All heavy atoms as atom14 arrays in JSON, in Angstrom:
{
  "sequence": "QPTNVMMFAKHAGALTPFDADARWQPVTADARRPWTDDYSNLVGAM",
  "atom14_mask": [
    [1, 1, 1, 1, 1, 1, 1, 1, 1, 0, 0, 0, 0, 0],
    [1, 1, 1, 1, 1, 1, 1, 0, 0, 0, 0, 0, 0, 0],
    [1, 1, 1, 1, 1, 1, 1, 0, 0, 0, 0, 0, 0, 0],
    [1, 1, 1, 1, 1, 1, 1, 1, 0, 0, 0, 0, 0, 0],
    [1, 1, 1, 1, 1, 1, 1, 0, 0, 0, 0, 0, 0, 0],
    [1, 1, 1, 1, 1, 1, 1, 1, 0, 0, 0, 0, 0, 0],
    [1, 1, 1, 1, 1, 1, 1, 1, 0, 0, 0, 0, 0, 0],
    [1, 1, 1, 1, 1, 1, 1, 1, 1, 1, 1, 0, 0, 0],
    [1, 1, 1, 1, 1, 0, 0, 0, 0, 0, 0, 0, 0, 0],
    [1, 1, 1, 1, 1, 1, 1, 1, 1, 0, 0, 0, 0, 0],
    [1, 1, 1, 1, 1, 1, 1, 1, 1, 1, 0, 0, 0, 0],
    [1, 1, 1, 1, 1, 0, 0, 0, 0, 0, 0, 0, 0, 0],
    [1, 1, 1, 1, 0, 0, 0, 0, 0, 0, 0, 0, 0, 0],
    [1, 1, 1, 1, 1, 0, 0, 0, 0, 0, 0, 0, 0, 0],
    [1, 1, 1, 1, 1, 1, 1, 1, 0, 0, 0, 0, 0, 0],
    [1, 1, 1, 1, 1, 1, 1, 0, 0, 0, 0, 0, 0, 0],
    [1, 1, 1, 1, 1, 1, 1, 0, 0, 0, 0, 0, 0, 0],
    [1, 1, 1, 1, 1, 1, 1, 1, 1, 1, 1, 0, 0, 0],
    [1, 1, 1, 1, 1, 1, 1, 1, 0, 0, 0, 0, 0, 0],
    [1, 1, 1, 1, 1, 0, 0, 0, 0, 0, 0, 0, 0, 0],
    [1, 1, 1, 1, 1, 1, 1, 1, 0, 0, 0, 0, 0, 0],
    [1, 1, 1, 1, 1, 0, 0, 0, 0, 0, 0, 0, 0, 0],
    [1, 1, 1, 1, 1, 1, 1, 1, 1, 1, 1, 0, 0, 0],
    [1, 1, 1, 1, 1, 1, 1, 1, 1, 1, 1, 1, 1, 1],
    [1, 1, 1, 1, 1, 1, 1, 1, 1, 0, 0, 0, 0, 0],
    [1, 1, 1, 1, 1, 1, 1, 0, 0, 0, 0, 0, 0, 0],
    [1, 1, 1, 1, 1, 1, 1, 0, 0, 0, 0, 0, 0, 0],
    [1, 1, 1, 1, 1, 1, 1, 0, 0, 0, 0, 0, 0, 0],
    [1, 1, 1, 1, 1, 0, 0, 0, 0, 0, 0, 0, 0, 0],
    [1, 1, 1, 1, 1, 1, 1, 1, 0, 0, 0, 0, 0, 0],
    [1, 1, 1, 1, 1, 0, 0, 0, 0, 0, 0, 0, 0, 0],
    [1, 1, 1, 1, 1, 1, 1, 1, 1, 1, 1, 0, 0, 0],
    [1, 1, 1, 1, 1, 1, 1, 1, 1, 1, 1, 0, 0, 0],
    [1, 1, 1, 1, 1, 1, 1, 0, 0, 0, 0, 0, 0, 0],
    [1, 1, 1, 1, 1, 1, 1, 1, 1, 1, 1, 1, 1, 1],
    [1, 1, 1, 1, 1, 1, 1, 0, 0, 0, 0, 0, 0, 0],
    [1, 1, 1, 1, 1, 1, 1, 1, 0, 0, 0, 0, 0, 0],
    [1, 1, 1, 1, 1, 1, 1, 1, 0, 0, 0, 0, 0, 0],
    [1, 1, 1, 1, 1, 1, 1, 1, 1, 1, 1, 1, 0, 0],
    [1, 1, 1, 1, 1, 1, 0, 0, 0, 0, 0, 0, 0, 0],
    [1, 1, 1, 1, 1, 1, 1, 1, 0, 0, 0, 0, 0, 0],
    [1, 1, 1, 1, 1, 1, 1, 1, 0, 0, 0, 0, 0, 0],
    [1, 1, 1, 1, 1, 1, 1, 0, 0, 0, 0, 0, 0, 0],
    [1, 1, 1, 1, 0, 0, 0, 0, 0, 0, 0, 0, 0, 0],
    [1, 1, 1, 1, 1, 0, 0, 0, 0, 0, 0, 0, 0, 0],
    [1, 1, 1, 1, 1, 1, 1, 1, 0, 0, 0, 0, 0, 0]
  ],
  "atom14_positions": [
    [[28.58, -30.32, -10.14], [28.77, -31.3, -9.07], [27.99, -30.92, -7.81], [27.8, -29.73, -7.53], [30.26, -31.4, -8.71], [31.15, -31.86, -9.85], [31.01, -33.33, -10.14], [30.67, -34.11, -9.25], [31.24, -33.72, -11.39], [0.0, 0.0, 0.0], [0.0, 0.0, 0.0], [0.0, 0.0, 0.0], [0.0, 0.0, 0.0], [0.0, 0.0, 0.0]],
    [[27.55, -31.92, -7.01], [27.0, -31.61, -5.68], [28.06, -30.85, -4.87], [29.24, -31.21, -4.88], [26.71, -32.98, -5.08], [26.58, -33.9, -6.25], [27.51, -33.37, -7.29], [0.0, 0.0, 0.0], [0.0, 0.0, 0.0], [0.0, 0.0, 0.0], [0.0, 0.0, 0.0], [0.0, 0.0, 0.0], [0.0, 0.0, 0.0], [0.0, 0.0, 0.0]],
    [[27.63, -29.8, -4.18], [28.59, -28.9, -3.54], [28.12, -28.55, -2.13], [26.97, -28.15, -1.93], [28.73, -27.6, -4.36], [28.97, -27.93, -5.73], [29.9, -26.77, -3.86], [0.0, 0.0, 0.0], [0.0, 0.0, 0.0], [0.0, 0.0, 0.0], [0.0, 0.0, 0.0], [0.0, 0.0, 0.0], [0.0, 0.0, 0.0], [0.0, 0.0, 0.0]],
    [[29.02, -28.69, -1.17], [28.74, -28.39, 0.23], [29.58, -27.18, 0.64], [30.82, -27.21, 0.51], [29.08, -29.6, 1.1], [28.38, -29.56, 2.44], [27.48, -28.77, 2.67], [28.8, -30.43, 3.34], [0.0, 0.0, 0.0], [0.0, 0.0, 0.0], [0.0, 0.0, 0.0], [0.0, 0.0, 0.0], [0.0, 0.0, 0.0], [0.0, 0.0, 0.0]],
    [[28.94, -26.12, 1.11], [29.64, -24.86, 1.36], [29.15, -24.23, 2.66], [27.95, -24.28, 2.97], [29.41, -23.86, 0.19], [29.96, -22.47, 0.53], [30.06, -24.38, -1.09], [0.0, 0.0, 0.0], [0.0, 0.0, 0.0], [0.0, 0.0, 0.0], [0.0, 0.0, 0.0], [0.0, 0.0, 0.0], [0.0, 0.0, 0.0], [0.0, 0.0, 0.0]],
    [[30.07, -23.66, 3.42], [29.73, -22.81, 4.56], [30.21, -21.39, 4.29], [31.16, -21.18, 3.52], [30.34, -23.35, 5.85], [29.7, -24.63, 6.35], [30.29, -25.13, 7.99], [29.51, -23.88, 9.03], [0.0, 0.0, 0.0], [0.0, 0.0, 0.0], [0.0, 0.0, 0.0], [0.0, 0.0, 0.0], [0.0, 0.0, 0.0], [0.0, 0.0, 0.0]],
    [[29.53, -20.45, 4.93], [29.85, -19.04, 4.74], [30.05, -18.4, 6.11], [29.3, -18.68, 7.06], [28.68, -18.37, 4.0], [28.93, -16.96, 3.53], [27.46, -16.31, 2.7], [27.5, -17.28, 1.18], [0.0, 0.0, 0.0], [0.0, 0.0, 0.0], [0.0, 0.0, 0.0], [0.0, 0.0, 0.0], [0.0, 0.0, 0.0], [0.0, 0.0, 0.0]],
    [[31.07, -17.56, 6.23], [31.41, -16.91, 7.5], [31.61, -15.41, 7.28], [32.02, -14.98, 6.2], [32.69, -17.5, 8.09], [32.63, -18.98, 8.35], [32.91, -19.89, 7.34], [32.3, -19.47, 9.6], [32.87, -21.25, 7.56], [32.25, -20.84, 9.83], [32.54, -21.73, 8.81], [0.0, 0.0, 0.0], [0.0, 0.0, 0.0], [0.0, 0.0, 0.0]],
    [[31.33, -14.66, 8.33], [31.59, -13.22, 8.29], [31.85, -12.74, 9.72], [31.51, -13.42, 10.7], [30.41, -12.47, 7.68], [0.0, 0.0, 0.0], [0.0, 0.0, 0.0], [0.0, 0.0, 0.0], [0.0, 0.0, 0.0], [0.0, 0.0, 0.0], [0.0, 0.0, 0.0], [0.0, 0.0, 0.0], [0.0, 0.0, 0.0], [0.0, 0.0, 0.0]],
    [[32.44, -11.55, 9.81], [32.75, -11.01, 11.14], [31.5, -10.62, 11.9], [31.48, -10.63, 13.13], [33.67, -9.8, 11.0], [35.06, -10.14, 10.47], [35.91, -8.88, 10.36], [37.31, -9.19, 9.86], [38.14, -7.97, 9.72], [0.0, 0.0, 0.0], [0.0, 0.0, 0.0], [0.0, 0.0, 0.0], [0.0, 0.0, 0.0], [0.0, 0.0, 0.0]],
    [[30.43, -10.26, 11.17], [29.18, -9.89, 11.83], [28.03, -10.3, 10.92], [28.2, -10.47, 9.69], [29.13, -8.39, 12.13], [29.29, -7.53, 10.91], [28.21, -7.12, 10.15], [30.39, -7.0, 10.31], [28.65, -6.38, 9.14], [29.97, -6.28, 9.22], [0.0, 0.0, 0.0], [0.0, 0.0, 0.0], [0.0, 0.0, 0.0], [0.0, 0.0, 0.0]],
    [[26.83, -10.44, 11.5], [25.68, -10.95, 10.75], [25.29, -10.02, 9.62], [24.76, -10.48, 8.59], [24.5, -11.15, 11.71], [0.0, 0.0, 0.0], [0.0, 0.0, 0.0], [0.0, 0.0, 0.0], [0.0, 0.0, 0.0], [0.0, 0.0, 0.0], [0.0, 0.0, 0.0], [0.0, 0.0, 0.0], [0.0, 0.0, 0.0], [0.0, 0.0, 0.0]],
    [[25.53, -8.72, 9.76], [25.14, -7.77, 8.72], [25.82, -8.04, 7.39], [25.26, -7.73, 6.33], [0.0, 0.0, 0.0], [0.0, 0.0, 0.0], [0.0, 0.0, 0.0], [0.0, 0.0, 0.0], [0.0, 0.0, 0.0], [0.0, 0.0, 0.0], [0.0, 0.0, 0.0], [0.0, 0.0, 0.0], [0.0, 0.0, 0.0], [0.0, 0.0, 0.0]],
    [[27.02, -8.62, 7.41], [27.73, -8.88, 6.17], [27.05, -9.95, 5.33], [27.27, -10.05, 4.12], [29.17, -9.29, 6.46], [0.0, 0.0, 0.0], [0.0, 0.0, 0.0], [0.0, 0.0, 0.0], [0.0, 0.0, 0.0], [0.0, 0.0, 0.0], [0.0, 0.0, 0.0], [0.0, 0.0, 0.0], [0.0, 0.0, 0.0], [0.0, 0.0, 0.0]],
    [[26.19, -10.77, 5.97], [25.51, -11.85, 5.25], [24.08, -11.5, 4.87], [23.35, -12.35, 4.34], [25.5, -13.12, 6.12], [26.88, -13.67, 6.52], [26.73, -14.95, 7.34], [27.75, -13.93, 5.3], [0.0, 0.0, 0.0], [0.0, 0.0, 0.0], [0.0, 0.0, 0.0], [0.0, 0.0, 0.0], [0.0, 0.0, 0.0], [0.0, 0.0, 0.0]],
    [[23.64, -10.25, 5.08], [22.28, -9.86, 4.73], [21.95, -10.01, 3.25], [20.78, -10.25, 2.92], [22.0, -8.41, 5.18], [23.02, -7.55, 4.64], [21.98, -8.29, 6.69], [0.0, 0.0, 0.0], [0.0, 0.0, 0.0], [0.0, 0.0, 0.0], [0.0, 0.0, 0.0], [0.0, 0.0, 0.0], [0.0, 0.0, 0.0], [0.0, 0.0, 0.0]],
    [[22.93, -9.91, 2.32], [22.56, -10.15, 0.91], [21.99, -11.55, 0.65], [21.38, -11.77, -0.39], [23.9, -9.95, 0.17], [24.68, -9.03, 1.03], [24.32, -9.42, 2.43], [0.0, 0.0, 0.0], [0.0, 0.0, 0.0], [0.0, 0.0, 0.0], [0.0, 0.0, 0.0], [0.0, 0.0, 0.0], [0.0, 0.0, 0.0], [0.0, 0.0, 0.0]],
    [[22.19, -12.48, 1.59], [21.72, -13.85, 1.39], [20.48, -14.16, 2.23], [20.01, -15.31, 2.23], [22.84, -14.83, 1.74], [24.11, -14.6, 0.96], [25.11, -13.77, 1.44], [24.27, -15.18, -0.29], [26.28, -13.55, 0.71], [25.43, -14.97, -1.02], [26.43, -14.14, -0.53], [0.0, 0.0, 0.0], [0.0, 0.0, 0.0], [0.0, 0.0, 0.0]],
    [[19.93, -13.16, 2.92], [18.79, -13.41, 3.79], [17.57, -13.9, 3.02], [16.8, -14.73, 3.53], [18.42, -12.13, 4.56], [19.41, -11.82, 5.67], [20.21, -12.71, 6.0], [19.4, -10.69, 6.19], [0.0, 0.0, 0.0], [0.0, 0.0, 0.0], [0.0, 0.0, 0.0], [0.0, 0.0, 0.0], [0.0, 0.0, 0.0], [0.0, 0.0, 0.0]],
    [[17.4, -13.43, 1.81], [16.2, -13.79, 1.05], [16.3, -15.16, 0.4], [15.3, -15.67, -0.14], [15.92, -12.73, -0.02], [0.0, 0.0, 0.0], [0.0, 0.0, 0.0], [0.0, 0.0, 0.0], [0.0, 0.0, 0.0], [0.0, 0.0, 0.0], [0.0, 0.0, 0.0], [0.0, 0.0, 0.0], [0.0, 0.0, 0.0], [0.0, 0.0, 0.0]],
    [[17.45, -15.76, 0.44], [17.66, -17.06, -0.19], [17.55, -18.15, 0.88], [18.46, -18.32, 1.71], [19.03, -17.11, -0.86], [19.2, -18.33, -1.77], [18.46, -19.32, -1.56], [20.07, -18.3, -2.65], [0.0, 0.0, 0.0], [0.0, 0.0, 0.0], [0.0, 0.0, 0.0], [0.0, 0.0, 0.0], [0.0, 0.0, 0.0], [0.0, 0.0, 0.0]],
    [[16.44, -18.9, 0.84], [16.18, -19.9, 1.88], [17.15, -21.06, 1.82], [17.22, -21.87, 2.76], [14.75, -20.41, 1.75], [0.0, 0.0, 0.0], [0.0, 0.0, 0.0], [0.0, 0.0, 0.0], [0.0, 0.0, 0.0], [0.0, 0.0, 0.0], [0.0, 0.0, 0.0], [0.0, 0.0, 0.0], [0.0, 0.0, 0.0], [0.0, 0.0, 0.0]],
    [[17.91, -21.17, 0.73], [18.87, -22.27, 0.64], [20.04, -22.08, 1.61], [20.7, -23.05, 1.99], [19.39, -22.39, -0.79], [18.33, -22.81, -1.8], [18.86, -22.74, -3.22], [19.24, -21.39, -3.61], [19.7, -21.05, -4.82], [19.83, -22.0, -5.75], [20.01, -19.8, -5.1], [0.0, 0.0, 0.0], [0.0, 0.0, 0.0], [0.0, 0.0, 0.0]],
    [[20.3, -20.84, 1.98], [21.38, -20.54, 2.93], [20.79, -20.56, 4.34], [20.05, -19.66, 4.72], [22.02, -19.19, 2.65], [22.86, -19.18, 1.41], [22.53, -18.69, 0.19], [24.19, -19.69, 1.29], [23.55, -18.86, -0.7], [24.6, -19.47, -0.06], [25.08, -20.32, 2.16], [25.85, -19.86, -0.53], [26.32, -20.7, 1.68], [26.7, -20.48, 0.36]],
    [[21.13, -21.6, 5.09], [20.56, -21.8, 6.42], [21.53, -21.36, 7.52], [22.74, -21.6, 7.42], [20.21, -23.27, 6.62], [19.07, -23.77, 5.75], [17.76, -23.11, 6.11], [17.35, -23.08, 7.27], [17.1, -22.53, 5.09], [0.0, 0.0, 0.0], [0.0, 0.0, 0.0], [0.0, 0.0, 0.0], [0.0, 0.0, 0.0], [0.0, 0.0, 0.0]],
    [[21.01, -20.7, 8.58], [21.88, -20.38, 9.72], [22.44, -21.66, 10.35], [21.83, -22.72, 10.27], [20.94, -19.64, 10.68], [19.79, -19.2, 9.85], [19.64, -20.22, 8.77], [0.0, 0.0, 0.0], [0.0, 0.0, 0.0], [0.0, 0.0, 0.0], [0.0, 0.0, 0.0], [0.0, 0.0, 0.0], [0.0, 0.0, 0.0], [0.0, 0.0, 0.0]],
    [[23.59, -21.53, 10.99], [24.27, -22.67, 11.6], [24.5, -22.37, 13.07], [24.93, -21.26, 13.43], [25.62, -22.96, 10.91], [26.31, -24.14, 11.58], [25.42, -23.23, 9.43], [0.0, 0.0, 0.0], [0.0, 0.0, 0.0], [0.0, 0.0, 0.0], [0.0, 0.0, 0.0], [0.0, 0.0, 0.0], [0.0, 0.0, 0.0], [0.0, 0.0, 0.0]],
    [[24.23, -23.35, 13.92], [24.55, -23.23, 15.34], [25.52, -24.34, 15.71], [25.52, -25.42, 15.11], [23.29, -23.34, 16.21], [22.63, -24.58, 15.93], [22.34, -22.18, 15.94], [0.0, 0.0, 0.0], [0.0, 0.0, 0.0], [0.0, 0.0, 0.0], [0.0, 0.0, 0.0], [0.0, 0.0, 0.0], [0.0, 0.0, 0.0], [0.0, 0.0, 0.0]],
    [[26.33, -24.07, 16.72], [27.35, -25.03, 17.13], [26.94, -25.72, 18.42], [26.23, -25.15, 19.25], [28.68, -24.31, 17.33], [0.0, 0.0, 0.0], [0.0, 0.0, 0.0], [0.0, 0.0, 0.0], [0.0, 0.0, 0.0], [0.0, 0.0, 0.0], [0.0, 0.0, 0.0], [0.0, 0.0, 0.0], [0.0, 0.0, 0.0], [0.0, 0.0, 0.0]],
    [[27.41, -26.97, 18.57], [27.21, -27.66, 19.84], [28.35, -27.27, 20.79], [29.18, -26.41, 20.48], [27.13, -29.17, 19.64], [28.37, -29.75, 18.95], [29.46, -29.17, 19.11], [28.25, -30.78, 18.26], [0.0, 0.0, 0.0], [0.0, 0.0, 0.0], [0.0, 0.0, 0.0], [0.0, 0.0, 0.0], [0.0, 0.0, 0.0], [0.0, 0.0, 0.0]],
    [[28.38, -27.92, 21.95], [29.34, -27.53, 22.98], [30.65, -28.31, 22.92], [31.48, -28.19, 23.82], [28.71, -27.71, 24.36], [0.0, 0.0, 0.0], [0.0, 0.0, 0.0], [0.0, 0.0, 0.0], [0.0, 0.0, 0.0], [0.0, 0.0, 0.0], [0.0, 0.0, 0.0], [0.0, 0.0, 0.0], [0.0, 0.0, 0.0], [0.0, 0.0, 0.0]],
    [[30.85, -29.09, 21.86], [32.07, -29.88, 21.79], [33.28, -29.0, 21.49], [33.16, -27.88, 21.01], [31.94, -30.97, 20.73], [30.87, -32.01, 21.08], [30.86, -33.15, 20.08], [29.81, -34.12, 20.38], [29.58, -35.2, 19.68], [30.33, -35.48, 18.61], [28.61, -36.03, 20.02], [0.0, 0.0, 0.0], [0.0, 0.0, 0.0], [0.0, 0.0, 0.0]],
    [[34.43, -29.57, 21.75], [35.69, -28.82, 21.66], [36.04, -28.5, 20.21], [36.07, -29.38, 19.35], [36.8, -29.66, 22.28], [38.14, -29.0, 22.39], [39.1, -29.96, 23.07], [40.37, -29.34, 23.38], [41.35, -29.97, 24.03], [41.19, -31.22, 24.43], [42.49, -29.35, 24.28], [0.0, 0.0, 0.0], [0.0, 0.0, 0.0], [0.0, 0.0, 0.0]],
    [[36.32, -27.23, 19.9], [36.74, -26.9, 18.53], [38.18, -27.35, 18.27], [39.0, -27.42, 19.18], [36.63, -25.37, 18.49], [36.8, -24.94, 19.91], [36.2, -26.04, 20.75], [0.0, 0.0, 0.0], [0.0, 0.0, 0.0], [0.0, 0.0, 0.0], [0.0, 0.0, 0.0], [0.0, 0.0, 0.0], [0.0, 0.0, 0.0], [0.0, 0.0, 0.0]],
    [[38.45, -27.66, 17.02], [39.8, -28.07, 16.64], [40.74, -26.88, 16.67], [40.38, -25.74, 16.35], [39.8, -28.66, 15.23], [39.14, -30.0, 15.14], [38.5, -30.69, 16.14], [39.04, -30.82, 13.97], [38.01, -31.88, 15.66], [38.33, -31.99, 14.34], [39.49, -30.69, 12.66], [38.05, -33.01, 13.44], [39.22, -31.7, 11.75], [38.52, -32.85, 12.14]],
    [[41.98, -27.16, 17.06], [43.05, -26.16, 17.05], [44.28, -26.79, 16.41], [44.28, -27.98, 16.08], [43.39, -25.7, 18.47], [43.96, -26.81, 19.2], [42.15, -25.2, 19.21], [0.0, 0.0, 0.0], [0.0, 0.0, 0.0], [0.0, 0.0, 0.0], [0.0, 0.0, 0.0], [0.0, 0.0, 0.0], [0.0, 0.0, 0.0], [0.0, 0.0, 0.0]],
    [[45.33, -26.01, 16.24], [46.58, -26.58, 15.75], [47.12, -27.62, 16.73], [47.89, -28.51, 16.34], [47.63, -25.48, 15.56], [47.37, -24.64, 14.32], [46.5, -25.04, 13.52], [48.01, -23.59, 14.17], [0.0, 0.0, 0.0], [0.0, 0.0, 0.0], [0.0, 0.0, 0.0], [0.0, 0.0, 0.0], [0.0, 0.0, 0.0], [0.0, 0.0, 0.0]],
    [[46.71, -27.51, 17.99], [47.19, -28.4, 19.03], [46.27, -29.59, 19.28], [46.63, -30.54, 19.96], [47.36, -27.61, 20.33], [48.38, -28.23, 21.27], [49.4, -28.73, 20.77], [48.13, -28.23, 22.49], [0.0, 0.0, 0.0], [0.0, 0.0, 0.0], [0.0, 0.0, 0.0], [0.0, 0.0, 0.0], [0.0, 0.0, 0.0], [0.0, 0.0, 0.0]],
    [[45.05, -29.54, 18.71], [44.08, -30.6, 18.98], [43.15, -30.78, 17.78], [42.6, -29.8, 17.26], [43.23, -30.27, 20.21], [42.02, -31.18, 20.34], [42.15, -32.45, 20.89], [40.77, -30.78, 19.88], [41.05, -33.3, 20.99], [39.66, -31.63, 19.98], [39.82, -32.88, 20.53], [38.74, -33.72, 20.61], [0.0, 0.0, 0.0], [0.0, 0.0, 0.0]],
    [[42.99, -32.01, 17.33], [41.98, -32.35, 16.33], [41.6, -33.81, 16.56], [42.34, -34.57, 17.18], [42.5, -32.14, 14.91], [43.64, -32.93, 14.66], [0.0, 0.0, 0.0], [0.0, 0.0, 0.0], [0.0, 0.0, 0.0], [0.0, 0.0, 0.0], [0.0, 0.0, 0.0], [0.0, 0.0, 0.0], [0.0, 0.0, 0.0], [0.0, 0.0, 0.0]],
    [[40.44, -34.19, 16.06], [39.93, -35.53, 16.32], [39.23, -36.05, 15.07], [38.0, -36.0, 14.94], [38.97, -35.51, 17.51], [38.47, -36.89, 17.88], [38.89, -37.89, 17.32], [37.55, -36.96, 18.84], [0.0, 0.0, 0.0], [0.0, 0.0, 0.0], [0.0, 0.0, 0.0], [0.0, 0.0, 0.0], [0.0, 0.0, 0.0], [0.0, 0.0, 0.0]],
    [[40.01, -36.53, 14.11], [39.44, -37.04, 12.87], [38.58, -38.28, 13.1], [37.54, -38.45, 12.47], [40.55, -37.35, 11.87], [41.14, -36.17, 11.11], [42.36, -36.61, 10.32], [40.11, -35.57, 10.19], [0.0, 0.0, 0.0], [0.0, 0.0, 0.0], [0.0, 0.0, 0.0], [0.0, 0.0, 0.0], [0.0, 0.0, 0.0], [0.0, 0.0, 0.0]],
    [[39.04, -39.17, 13.98], [38.28, -40.38, 14.25], [36.91, -40.03, 14.81], [35.88, -40.57, 14.38], [39.04, -41.3, 15.22], [38.15, -42.46, 15.67], [40.29, -41.85, 14.56], [0.0, 0.0, 0.0], [0.0, 0.0, 0.0], [0.0, 0.0, 0.0], [0.0, 0.0, 0.0], [0.0, 0.0, 0.0], [0.0, 0.0, 0.0], [0.0, 0.0, 0.0]],
    [[36.87, -39.1, 15.76], [35.6, -38.67, 16.33], [34.69, -38.05, 15.28], [33.47, -38.29, 15.28], [0.0, 0.0, 0.0], [0.0, 0.0, 0.0], [0.0, 0.0, 0.0], [0.0, 0.0, 0.0], [0.0, 0.0, 0.0], [0.0, 0.0, 0.0], [0.0, 0.0, 0.0], [0.0, 0.0, 0.0], [0.0, 0.0, 0.0], [0.0, 0.0, 0.0]],
    [[35.26, -37.25, 14.37], [34.46, -36.63, 13.31], [33.9, -37.68, 12.36], [32.75, -37.58, 11.9], [35.31, -35.62, 12.54], [0.0, 0.0, 0.0], [0.0, 0.0, 0.0], [0.0, 0.0, 0.0], [0.0, 0.0, 0.0], [0.0, 0.0, 0.0], [0.0, 0.0, 0.0], [0.0, 0.0, 0.0], [0.0, 0.0, 0.0], [0.0, 0.0, 0.0]],
    [[34.68, -38.71, 12.06], [34.2, -39.78, 11.19], [33.08, -40.58, 11.86], [32.08, -40.92, 11.22], [35.36, -40.7, 10.81], [36.42, -40.04, 9.95], [37.87, -41.1, 9.66], [37.17, -42.31, 8.53], [0.0, 0.0, 0.0], [0.0, 0.0, 0.0], [0.0, 0.0, 0.0], [0.0, 0.0, 0.0], [0.0, 0.0, 0.0], [0.0, 0.0, 0.0]]
  ]
}
């Protein structure tokens, strides 16, 4: 199946095994408010 995946680690060094694979792209965030247990915005995300 088509698959959409993100990968996270505590530091960049933990992701070095994937550096040679161009399919894994770095991700940057914009300045919008992150979701919390107290706040989420499904309509905005849609």
